[in-house]
N, C-alpha and C. Protein backbone atom coordinates (compact mmCIF):
# COMPACT_ATOMS: atom_id res chain seq x y z
N MET A 1 -16.73 15.92 19.61
CA MET A 1 -16.62 14.63 18.97
C MET A 1 -15.18 14.10 19.13
N PRO A 2 -15.03 12.84 19.52
CA PRO A 2 -13.68 12.33 19.75
C PRO A 2 -12.91 12.12 18.46
N LYS A 3 -11.61 12.06 18.63
CA LYS A 3 -10.75 11.81 17.48
C LYS A 3 -10.92 10.36 17.03
N ILE A 4 -10.72 10.10 15.74
CA ILE A 4 -10.81 8.74 15.20
C ILE A 4 -9.42 8.14 15.22
N LYS A 5 -9.34 6.90 15.67
CA LYS A 5 -8.04 6.24 15.70
C LYS A 5 -7.65 5.75 14.31
N THR A 6 -6.37 5.89 14.01
CA THR A 6 -5.82 5.38 12.76
C THR A 6 -5.52 3.91 12.93
N ARG A 7 -5.80 3.12 11.91
CA ARG A 7 -5.42 1.71 11.94
C ARG A 7 -3.92 1.64 11.66
N ARG A 8 -3.14 1.25 12.65
CA ARG A 8 -1.69 1.28 12.54
C ARG A 8 -1.17 0.34 11.46
N ALA A 9 -1.83 -0.79 11.26
CA ALA A 9 -1.40 -1.73 10.21
C ALA A 9 -1.51 -1.09 8.84
N ALA A 10 -2.57 -0.32 8.61
CA ALA A 10 -2.74 0.36 7.33
C ALA A 10 -1.74 1.50 7.19
N ALA A 11 -1.46 2.19 8.28
CA ALA A 11 -0.53 3.32 8.24
C ALA A 11 0.87 2.86 7.85
N LYS A 12 1.22 1.63 8.21
CA LYS A 12 2.54 1.10 7.87
C LYS A 12 2.61 0.64 6.42
N ARG A 13 1.48 0.42 5.79
CA ARG A 13 1.45 -0.15 4.44
C ARG A 13 1.14 0.86 3.34
N PHE A 14 0.50 1.96 3.67
CA PHE A 14 0.08 2.93 2.66
C PHE A 14 0.64 4.31 2.96
N THR A 15 1.01 5.04 1.91
CA THR A 15 1.35 6.46 2.04
C THR A 15 0.50 7.23 1.04
N VAL A 16 0.20 8.46 1.36
CA VAL A 16 -0.67 9.27 0.52
C VAL A 16 0.18 10.09 -0.44
N THR A 17 -0.20 10.11 -1.71
CA THR A 17 0.49 10.93 -2.71
C THR A 17 -0.05 12.35 -2.65
N GLY A 18 0.55 13.23 -3.40
CA GLY A 18 0.10 14.62 -3.42
C GLY A 18 -1.29 14.79 -3.96
N SER A 19 -1.69 13.89 -4.88
CA SER A 19 -3.02 13.99 -5.47
C SER A 19 -4.07 13.24 -4.64
N GLY A 20 -3.67 12.67 -3.50
CA GLY A 20 -4.64 12.02 -2.62
C GLY A 20 -4.82 10.54 -2.86
N GLU A 21 -4.00 9.95 -3.74
CA GLU A 21 -4.10 8.51 -3.96
C GLU A 21 -3.21 7.79 -2.95
N PHE A 22 -3.41 6.48 -2.81
CA PHE A 22 -2.65 5.71 -1.84
C PHE A 22 -1.62 4.85 -2.53
N LYS A 23 -0.37 5.03 -2.12
CA LYS A 23 0.74 4.27 -2.68
C LYS A 23 0.96 3.03 -1.81
N ARG A 24 1.24 1.90 -2.46
CA ARG A 24 1.45 0.65 -1.72
C ARG A 24 2.62 -0.11 -2.34
N ASN A 25 3.17 -1.04 -1.57
CA ASN A 25 4.20 -1.92 -2.08
C ASN A 25 3.56 -3.18 -2.64
N LYS A 26 4.25 -3.81 -3.57
CA LYS A 26 3.71 -5.02 -4.19
C LYS A 26 3.99 -6.24 -3.33
N ALA A 27 3.15 -7.24 -3.46
CA ALA A 27 3.29 -8.48 -2.69
C ALA A 27 4.21 -9.46 -3.43
N PHE A 28 4.46 -10.60 -2.83
CA PHE A 28 5.24 -11.72 -3.41
C PHE A 28 6.73 -11.41 -3.53
N LYS A 29 7.28 -10.59 -2.65
CA LYS A 29 8.70 -10.25 -2.74
C LYS A 29 9.46 -10.70 -1.48
N SER A 30 8.84 -11.51 -0.62
CA SER A 30 9.49 -11.80 0.66
C SER A 30 10.27 -13.11 0.68
N HIS A 31 9.80 -14.14 -0.01
CA HIS A 31 10.53 -15.42 0.01
C HIS A 31 10.23 -16.19 -1.26
N ILE A 32 10.87 -17.35 -1.41
CA ILE A 32 10.81 -18.18 -2.63
C ILE A 32 11.22 -17.33 -3.84
N LEU A 33 12.38 -16.69 -3.73
CA LEU A 33 12.81 -15.76 -4.77
C LEU A 33 13.66 -16.43 -5.85
N GLU A 34 14.15 -17.64 -5.59
CA GLU A 34 15.03 -18.30 -6.57
C GLU A 34 14.33 -18.59 -7.88
N LYS A 35 13.08 -18.98 -7.80
CA LYS A 35 12.36 -19.35 -9.02
C LYS A 35 11.80 -18.15 -9.78
N LYS A 36 11.82 -16.98 -9.17
CA LYS A 36 11.31 -15.79 -9.84
C LYS A 36 12.43 -15.15 -10.65
N SER A 37 12.08 -14.67 -11.83
CA SER A 37 13.09 -14.10 -12.72
C SER A 37 13.55 -12.74 -12.18
N PRO A 38 14.76 -12.31 -12.55
CA PRO A 38 15.24 -11.00 -12.12
C PRO A 38 14.32 -9.87 -12.57
N LYS A 39 13.76 -10.00 -13.76
CA LYS A 39 12.84 -8.97 -14.26
C LYS A 39 11.60 -8.87 -13.38
N ARG A 40 11.07 -10.03 -12.99
CA ARG A 40 9.88 -10.04 -12.15
C ARG A 40 10.18 -9.44 -10.77
N LYS A 41 11.33 -9.80 -10.20
CA LYS A 41 11.70 -9.26 -8.89
C LYS A 41 11.96 -7.76 -8.96
N ARG A 42 12.55 -7.31 -10.06
CA ARG A 42 12.81 -5.89 -10.24
C ARG A 42 11.50 -5.10 -10.31
N ASN A 43 10.52 -5.66 -11.03
CA ASN A 43 9.22 -4.98 -11.14
C ASN A 43 8.45 -5.00 -9.83
N LEU A 44 8.70 -5.98 -8.98
CA LEU A 44 8.03 -6.03 -7.68
C LEU A 44 8.56 -4.95 -6.73
N ARG A 45 9.75 -4.41 -7.02
CA ARG A 45 10.32 -3.36 -6.19
C ARG A 45 9.55 -2.05 -6.33
N LYS A 46 8.99 -1.81 -7.50
CA LYS A 46 8.33 -0.54 -7.77
C LYS A 46 7.02 -0.44 -6.99
N ALA A 47 6.71 0.75 -6.56
CA ALA A 47 5.47 0.98 -5.83
C ALA A 47 4.30 1.00 -6.81
N ALA A 48 3.13 0.71 -6.30
CA ALA A 48 1.90 0.74 -7.10
C ALA A 48 0.86 1.57 -6.34
N LEU A 49 -0.23 1.87 -7.00
CA LEU A 49 -1.32 2.60 -6.36
C LEU A 49 -2.43 1.64 -5.97
N ALA A 50 -3.09 1.93 -4.86
CA ALA A 50 -4.24 1.14 -4.45
C ALA A 50 -5.35 1.33 -5.48
N THR A 51 -6.09 0.28 -5.76
CA THR A 51 -7.15 0.35 -6.77
C THR A 51 -8.30 1.22 -6.29
N ALA A 52 -9.12 1.63 -7.22
CA ALA A 52 -10.28 2.47 -6.88
C ALA A 52 -11.24 1.73 -5.96
N ALA A 53 -11.32 0.40 -6.11
CA ALA A 53 -12.21 -0.40 -5.27
C ALA A 53 -11.75 -0.38 -3.81
N ASP A 54 -10.45 -0.29 -3.58
CA ASP A 54 -9.92 -0.30 -2.21
C ASP A 54 -9.75 1.09 -1.62
N LYS A 55 -9.84 2.11 -2.45
CA LYS A 55 -9.53 3.47 -1.99
C LYS A 55 -10.42 3.91 -0.83
N ASN A 56 -11.71 3.63 -0.90
CA ASN A 56 -12.62 4.04 0.18
C ASN A 56 -12.32 3.32 1.47
N ARG A 57 -11.96 2.03 1.38
CA ARG A 57 -11.63 1.28 2.59
C ARG A 57 -10.36 1.80 3.24
N VAL A 58 -9.36 2.12 2.42
CA VAL A 58 -8.10 2.63 2.95
C VAL A 58 -8.32 4.01 3.56
N LYS A 59 -9.13 4.82 2.92
CA LYS A 59 -9.41 6.16 3.43
C LYS A 59 -10.09 6.09 4.80
N ARG A 60 -10.95 5.10 5.01
CA ARG A 60 -11.61 4.94 6.29
C ARG A 60 -10.61 4.50 7.38
N MET A 61 -9.60 3.71 6.97
CA MET A 61 -8.61 3.25 7.94
C MET A 61 -7.60 4.33 8.28
N LEU A 62 -7.40 5.29 7.37
CA LEU A 62 -6.46 6.38 7.59
C LEU A 62 -7.21 7.71 7.56
N PRO A 63 -7.91 8.06 8.62
CA PRO A 63 -8.78 9.23 8.57
C PRO A 63 -8.05 10.56 8.43
N TYR A 64 -6.78 10.62 8.86
CA TYR A 64 -6.07 11.90 8.82
C TYR A 64 -4.99 11.93 7.75
N ALA A 65 -5.04 11.01 6.82
CA ALA A 65 -4.03 10.95 5.76
C ALA A 65 -4.43 11.84 4.59
C-alpha cells in the first residue's frame, strides 16, 4: 500500500501535542492592529487547540502526525 501524502498547508498550521490534540495559532493577528486593544492582541498570541469538530479533518490531512 502506498504512503499517504501529508497536506503541506495543514502541516504548517498545526502541531501535535503529547496527548494527540492539535495546536493552532489564532486568526486576526496579521493586519488592522491599531484598532485592536493591547489585551486582545496579547491574547491572540497564545496558541489554541483545534476543536473536536475539526479534529478528524486535521487528522486526515496529517496522517503521520
